């Protein structure tokens, strides 16, 4: 499945009933050099739009939100050790966490790449 996006600048890639979540190129550009990430606890269940973590840069700190409701199944320990991965490879090695979907229909309401690109350009 292709990527979907939120207006809070997270991306989500769904594979089966598990989704990988990270921040977008636009988000990491706006933040600048990422120096710290706070990731959610594995096993925690969070509702859509709940704060799942924090990303801090030399410029600012920003919350990372849940694009969909579900249970955290894995966090990116490599990102915790090297937060700059959020800058150098935000859509790959810089992913934040994986979540088991509790309501797959929520994905349908997220933005596709075209809609997200237009949204990001206007904000």
Protein backbone atom coordinates (compact mmCIF):
# COMPACT_ATOMS: atom_id res chain seq x y z
CA UNK A 1 0.00 0.00 0.00
CA UNK A 2 1.15 3.52 -0.67
CA UNK A 3 1.81 6.05 2.06
CA UNK A 4 -0.93 8.10 3.67
CA UNK A 5 -0.40 11.35 5.56
CA UNK A 6 -1.89 13.43 8.37
CA UNK A 7 -2.29 17.20 8.64
CA UNK A 8 0.09 16.95 11.62
CA UNK A 9 2.83 15.79 9.19
CA UNK A 10 3.04 12.09 10.03
CA UNK A 11 3.15 9.40 7.37
CA UNK A 12 1.74 5.90 7.70
CA UNK A 13 2.37 2.78 5.65
CA UNK A 14 -0.10 -0.05 6.24
CA UNK A 15 0.93 -3.65 5.66
CA UNK A 16 -1.81 -6.08 6.67
CA UNK A 17 -3.03 -5.06 10.12
CA UNK A 18 0.22 -3.33 11.13
CA UNK A 19 1.25 0.18 10.15
CA UNK A 20 4.62 1.90 10.29
CA UNK A 21 4.56 5.58 11.31
CA UNK A 22 7.08 8.41 10.94
CA UNK A 23 7.36 12.11 10.26
CA UNK A 24 7.34 13.58 6.77
CA UNK A 25 10.09 15.34 4.82
CA UNK A 26 8.13 18.56 5.38
CA UNK A 27 8.13 18.04 9.17
CA UNK A 28 11.83 17.29 9.43
CA UNK A 29 12.59 20.27 7.16
CA UNK A 30 10.58 22.57 9.41
CA UNK A 31 12.18 21.19 12.57
CA UNK A 32 15.79 21.28 11.42
CA UNK A 33 18.39 18.95 12.93
CA UNK A 34 16.62 16.38 15.11
CA UNK A 35 18.55 15.78 18.35
CA UNK A 36 16.14 13.69 20.46
CA UNK A 37 13.07 11.51 20.04
CA UNK A 38 10.69 10.19 22.67
CA UNK A 39 8.94 7.06 21.47
CA UNK A 40 5.79 5.41 22.85
CA UNK A 41 5.92 2.30 25.02
CA UNK A 42 5.52 -1.03 23.26
CA UNK A 43 2.19 -2.54 24.31
CA UNK A 44 0.48 0.78 24.92
CA UNK A 45 -2.83 1.40 23.17
CA UNK A 46 -3.46 4.89 21.88
CA UNK A 47 -6.41 6.53 20.20
CA UNK A 48 -6.21 8.33 16.88
CA UNK A 49 -4.76 11.86 17.28
CA UNK A 50 -3.32 11.08 20.75
CA UNK A 51 0.25 12.19 21.39
CA UNK A 52 2.46 9.16 20.77
CA UNK A 53 5.87 10.75 21.15
CA UNK A 54 8.00 13.85 20.87
CA UNK A 55 10.65 14.95 18.42
CA UNK A 56 13.11 17.65 19.46
CA UNK A 57 15.41 19.60 17.20
CA UNK A 58 17.85 22.44 17.60
CA UNK A 59 14.95 24.78 16.72
CA UNK A 60 11.88 23.35 18.44
CA UNK A 61 10.04 20.41 19.94
CA UNK A 62 6.95 18.88 18.38
CA UNK A 63 4.51 16.17 19.34
CA UNK A 64 4.15 13.08 17.19
CA UNK A 65 0.49 12.06 16.90
CA UNK A 66 -1.19 8.73 16.27
CA UNK A 67 -2.52 8.72 12.70
CA UNK A 68 -4.82 5.82 13.62
CA UNK A 69 -5.93 4.04 16.80
CA UNK A 70 -4.08 0.93 17.85
CA UNK A 71 -1.48 -0.84 19.96
CA UNK A 72 2.21 -0.02 19.68
CA UNK A 73 3.99 -3.23 18.62
CA UNK A 74 7.50 -1.92 17.99
CA UNK A 75 9.59 1.24 18.27
CA UNK A 76 12.65 2.17 16.25
CA UNK A 77 15.53 1.76 18.71
CA UNK A 78 17.99 2.87 16.00
CA UNK A 79 16.17 6.21 15.87
CA UNK A 80 16.42 6.58 19.65
CA UNK A 81 20.19 6.01 19.38
CA UNK A 82 20.61 8.22 16.26
CA UNK A 83 17.78 10.80 16.07
CA UNK A 84 19.33 12.30 12.92
CA UNK A 85 17.81 9.37 10.98
CA UNK A 86 14.57 11.40 11.12
CA UNK A 87 16.38 13.99 8.95
CA UNK A 88 18.46 11.79 6.68
CA UNK A 89 15.84 9.11 5.91
CA UNK A 90 12.43 10.15 7.32
CA UNK A 91 10.46 7.76 5.08
CA UNK A 92 12.82 4.82 5.63
CA UNK A 93 15.30 4.16 8.43
CA UNK A 94 13.89 7.15 10.36
CA UNK A 95 10.50 5.55 11.08
CA UNK A 96 9.22 6.04 14.64
CA UNK A 97 6.95 3.14 15.60
CA UNK A 98 4.70 0.35 14.39
CA UNK A 99 1.09 -0.01 15.44
CA UNK A 100 -1.45 -2.83 15.19
CA UNK A 101 -4.58 -1.24 13.75
CA UNK A 102 -7.71 -1.34 15.86
CA UNK A 103 -9.90 0.29 13.18
CA UNK A 104 -8.51 -0.05 9.64
CA UNK A 105 -11.25 2.21 8.26
CA UNK A 106 -9.49 5.22 9.86
CA UNK A 107 -6.79 4.93 7.18
CA UNK A 108 -9.34 5.90 4.51
CA UNK A 109 -9.76 9.37 6.02
CA UNK A 110 -6.03 10.18 5.81
CA UNK A 111 -4.51 12.24 3.02
CA UNK A 112 -2.96 10.71 -0.08
CA UNK A 113 0.33 12.09 -1.41
CA UNK A 114 -1.30 14.62 -3.74
CA UNK A 115 -3.58 16.01 -1.04
CA UNK A 116 -0.77 16.11 1.53
CA UNK A 117 1.61 17.89 -0.86
CA UNK A 118 -1.03 20.55 -1.52
CA UNK A 119 -1.77 20.86 2.23
CA UNK A 120 1.92 21.14 3.19
CA UNK A 121 2.55 23.77 0.51
CA UNK A 122 -0.24 25.94 1.90
CA UNK A 123 0.79 25.72 5.58
